[in-house]
């Protein structure tokens, strides 16, 4: 067990804390839940940085890091879809969650073929992740339908568009392998 892996485990452990704070009926609950999400999002960057810098990359970390990211984002999007209970919030959440499932399956399949590098994280994927994290932080931290939340909705839609774009890029890269038996 090393520091990067402990940070990843912390991110997973913060998920129930985020949910608990999100549902508390106090005026400070949204900003506290947003702060927990922000800490978790920061550990997403920090654990990878430290693993590379300290040469502590591990099989456990390579497995847990994307799982922690997807769990955190999916749980937060479910909370937000429930809170807003509107199609215009549910649709980008479905796009993001659906893409995560598709790309996870694609990466697993490509890894079995020994071609995981062809679906490695791209620059568009990194920008998507930043927009996604910022939008979710804003949407969790501020009252629904506030001016700030509309900024978060705009960022969420931008993230959803980049989500679709990056999914297309990944599928296009894998397409020759996906269709070779046709």
Protein backbone atom coordinates (compact mmCIF):
# COMPACT_ATOMS: atom_id res chain seq x y z
CA UNK A 1 0.00 0.00 0.00
CA UNK A 2 1.43 3.37 -1.01
CA UNK A 3 0.28 7.00 -0.78
CA UNK A 4 -1.28 7.14 -4.28
CA UNK A 5 -3.34 4.02 -3.55
CA UNK A 6 -4.36 5.40 -0.16
CA UNK A 7 -5.56 8.59 -1.87
CA UNK A 8 -7.61 6.50 -4.29
CA UNK A 9 -9.13 4.55 -1.40
CA UNK A 10 -9.84 7.86 0.34
CA UNK A 11 -11.75 8.98 -2.77
CA UNK A 12 -13.89 5.84 -2.58
CA UNK A 13 -14.38 6.34 1.16
CA UNK A 14 -15.54 9.92 0.61
CA UNK A 15 -18.49 8.78 -1.52
CA UNK A 16 -20.78 7.88 1.42
CA UNK A 17 -19.66 11.07 3.19
CA UNK A 18 -20.67 13.07 0.10
CA UNK A 19 -24.07 11.35 -0.01
CA UNK A 20 -24.66 11.82 3.71
CA UNK A 21 -23.78 15.52 3.60
CA UNK A 22 -25.83 16.04 0.44
CA UNK A 23 -29.01 14.83 2.17
CA UNK A 24 -28.55 16.64 5.47
CA UNK A 25 -31.27 19.28 5.94
CA UNK A 26 -28.94 22.14 6.90
CA UNK A 27 -28.08 25.33 5.03
CA UNK A 28 -24.38 24.43 5.10
CA UNK A 29 -24.90 20.92 3.70
CA UNK A 30 -24.56 21.78 -0.02
CA UNK A 31 -21.26 23.61 0.39
CA UNK A 32 -19.94 20.85 2.69
CA UNK A 33 -20.93 18.17 0.15
CA UNK A 34 -19.33 20.29 -2.59
CA UNK A 35 -16.14 20.56 -0.55
CA UNK A 36 -16.01 16.79 -0.11
CA UNK A 37 -16.51 16.36 -3.86
CA UNK A 38 -13.75 18.90 -4.53
CA UNK A 39 -11.34 17.04 -2.22
CA UNK A 40 -12.20 13.77 -3.93
CA UNK A 41 -11.72 15.34 -7.37
CA UNK A 42 -8.36 16.76 -6.30
CA UNK A 43 -7.21 13.33 -5.13
CA UNK A 44 -8.03 12.06 -8.64
CA UNK A 45 -5.28 14.29 -10.02
CA UNK A 46 -2.97 13.98 -7.01
CA UNK A 47 -2.83 10.18 -6.82
CA UNK A 48 -1.80 9.89 -10.47
CA UNK A 49 0.74 12.68 -10.15
CA UNK A 50 2.32 11.11 -7.06
CA UNK A 51 2.33 7.61 -8.54
CA UNK A 52 4.27 8.90 -11.57
CA UNK A 53 6.54 11.26 -9.63
CA UNK A 54 7.44 8.75 -6.92
CA UNK A 55 7.47 5.80 -9.33
CA UNK A 56 4.75 4.10 -7.30
CA UNK A 57 2.44 3.01 -10.09
CA UNK A 58 0.87 -0.33 -9.22
CA UNK A 59 -1.60 -2.83 -10.63
CA UNK A 60 -3.94 -2.06 -7.73
CA UNK A 61 -3.75 1.67 -8.44
CA UNK A 62 -4.27 1.15 -12.17
CA UNK A 63 -7.43 -0.81 -11.36
CA UNK A 64 -8.78 1.30 -8.49
CA UNK A 65 -8.20 4.78 -9.90
CA UNK A 66 -10.69 4.59 -12.79
CA UNK A 67 -13.15 2.68 -10.59
CA UNK A 68 -12.99 5.41 -7.93
CA UNK A 69 -13.44 8.12 -10.56
CA UNK A 70 -16.45 6.46 -12.13
CA UNK A 71 -18.08 5.67 -8.79
CA UNK A 72 -17.65 9.23 -7.57
CA UNK A 73 -18.96 10.83 -10.76
CA UNK A 74 -21.86 8.40 -11.22
CA UNK A 75 -23.05 8.75 -7.62
CA UNK A 76 -22.87 12.56 -7.86
CA UNK A 77 -24.78 12.58 -11.16
CA UNK A 78 -27.49 10.34 -9.71
CA UNK A 79 -27.86 12.72 -6.76
CA UNK A 80 -28.16 15.67 -9.12
CA UNK A 81 -30.62 13.93 -11.45
CA UNK A 82 -32.80 13.18 -8.44
CA UNK A 83 -32.56 16.72 -7.09
CA UNK A 84 -33.42 18.46 -10.34
CA UNK A 85 -35.81 15.73 -11.55
CA UNK A 86 -35.86 17.31 -15.01
CA UNK A 87 -35.02 15.74 -18.38
CA UNK A 88 -32.54 18.53 -19.13
CA UNK A 89 -30.48 17.37 -16.13
CA UNK A 90 -31.08 13.64 -16.56
CA UNK A 91 -30.01 13.56 -20.24
CA UNK A 92 -26.41 14.80 -19.77
CA UNK A 93 -26.12 12.56 -16.69
CA UNK A 94 -27.24 9.56 -18.78
CA UNK A 95 -24.79 10.47 -21.54
CA UNK A 96 -21.88 10.69 -19.10
CA UNK A 97 -22.75 7.50 -17.19
CA UNK A 98 -23.51 5.60 -20.40
CA UNK A 99 -20.22 6.67 -21.96
CA UNK A 100 -18.31 5.54 -18.88
CA UNK A 101 -19.86 2.08 -19.17
CA UNK A 102 -19.17 1.83 -22.91
CA UNK A 103 -15.57 3.03 -22.67
CA UNK A 104 -14.82 0.83 -19.64
CA UNK A 105 -16.06 -2.21 -21.56
CA UNK A 106 -14.15 -1.12 -24.67
CA UNK A 107 -10.91 -0.66 -22.72
CA UNK A 108 -11.31 -4.04 -21.06
CA UNK A 109 -11.93 -5.74 -24.40
CA UNK A 110 -9.03 -3.94 -26.08
CA UNK A 111 -6.76 -4.93 -23.17
CA UNK A 112 -7.67 -8.57 -23.79
CA UNK A 113 -6.45 -8.06 -27.37
CA UNK A 114 -3.26 -6.42 -26.09
CA UNK A 115 -4.28 -3.10 -27.66
CA UNK A 116 -5.28 -1.03 -24.64
CA UNK A 117 -2.95 1.79 -25.76
CA UNK A 118 -5.22 2.47 -28.73
CA UNK A 119 -7.96 3.57 -26.29
CA UNK A 120 -5.72 5.38 -23.80
CA UNK A 121 -6.94 8.62 -22.22
CA UNK A 122 -6.82 11.50 -24.71
CA UNK A 123 -6.53 15.26 -24.27
CA UNK A 124 -10.26 15.61 -25.00
CA UNK A 125 -10.93 13.09 -22.23
CA UNK A 126 -8.87 15.13 -19.79
CA UNK A 127 -10.69 18.37 -20.66
CA UNK A 128 -13.99 16.50 -20.34
CA UNK A 129 -13.01 15.30 -16.89
CA UNK A 130 -12.11 18.81 -15.70
CA UNK A 131 -15.39 20.26 -17.02
CA UNK A 132 -17.31 17.39 -15.49
CA UNK A 133 -15.70 17.83 -12.07
CA UNK A 134 -16.19 21.61 -12.10
CA UNK A 135 -19.82 21.30 -13.18
CA UNK A 136 -20.63 18.67 -10.56
CA UNK A 137 -18.90 20.71 -7.84
CA UNK A 138 -20.98 23.77 -8.76
CA UNK A 139 -24.23 21.82 -9.01
CA UNK A 140 -23.70 20.12 -5.65
CA UNK A 141 -22.53 23.27 -3.85
CA UNK A 142 -25.25 25.72 -4.88
CA UNK A 143 -29.01 25.73 -4.68
CA UNK A 144 -30.82 24.27 -7.66
CA UNK A 145 -31.98 26.93 -10.13
CA UNK A 146 -29.61 29.55 -8.70
CA UNK A 147 -27.43 31.59 -11.06
CA UNK A 148 -24.44 29.47 -10.06
CA UNK A 149 -26.31 26.24 -10.78
CA UNK A 150 -27.07 27.42 -14.32
CA UNK A 151 -23.33 27.89 -14.83
CA UNK A 152 -22.91 24.32 -13.60
CA UNK A 153 -25.59 23.11 -16.01
CA UNK A 154 -23.79 24.83 -18.89
CA UNK A 155 -20.51 23.20 -17.88
CA UNK A 156 -22.28 19.83 -17.55
CA UNK A 157 -23.62 20.14 -21.10
CA UNK A 158 -20.16 21.06 -22.36
CA UNK A 159 -18.80 17.99 -20.54
CA UNK A 160 -21.55 15.82 -22.07
CA UNK A 161 -20.65 17.05 -25.57
CA UNK A 162 -16.97 16.31 -24.95
CA UNK A 163 -18.02 12.96 -23.48
CA UNK A 164 -19.72 12.02 -26.75
CA UNK A 165 -16.80 13.36 -28.77
CA UNK A 166 -14.22 11.37 -26.78
CA UNK A 167 -16.39 8.24 -27.00
CA UNK A 168 -16.49 8.59 -30.77
CA UNK A 169 -12.71 9.04 -30.86
CA UNK A 170 -12.20 5.88 -28.77
CA UNK A 171 -14.67 3.80 -30.79
CA UNK A 172 -13.14 5.03 -34.03
CA UNK A 173 -9.68 3.95 -32.80
CA UNK A 174 -11.02 0.51 -31.88
CA UNK A 175 -13.34 0.13 -34.88
CA UNK A 176 -10.99 -2.00 -37.02
CA UNK A 177 -10.69 -4.50 -34.16
CA UNK A 178 -14.42 -4.36 -33.42
CA UNK A 179 -15.38 -5.12 -37.02
CA UNK A 180 -12.64 -7.47 -38.18
CA UNK A 181 -14.96 -10.52 -38.04
CA UNK A 182 -17.77 -8.88 -40.04
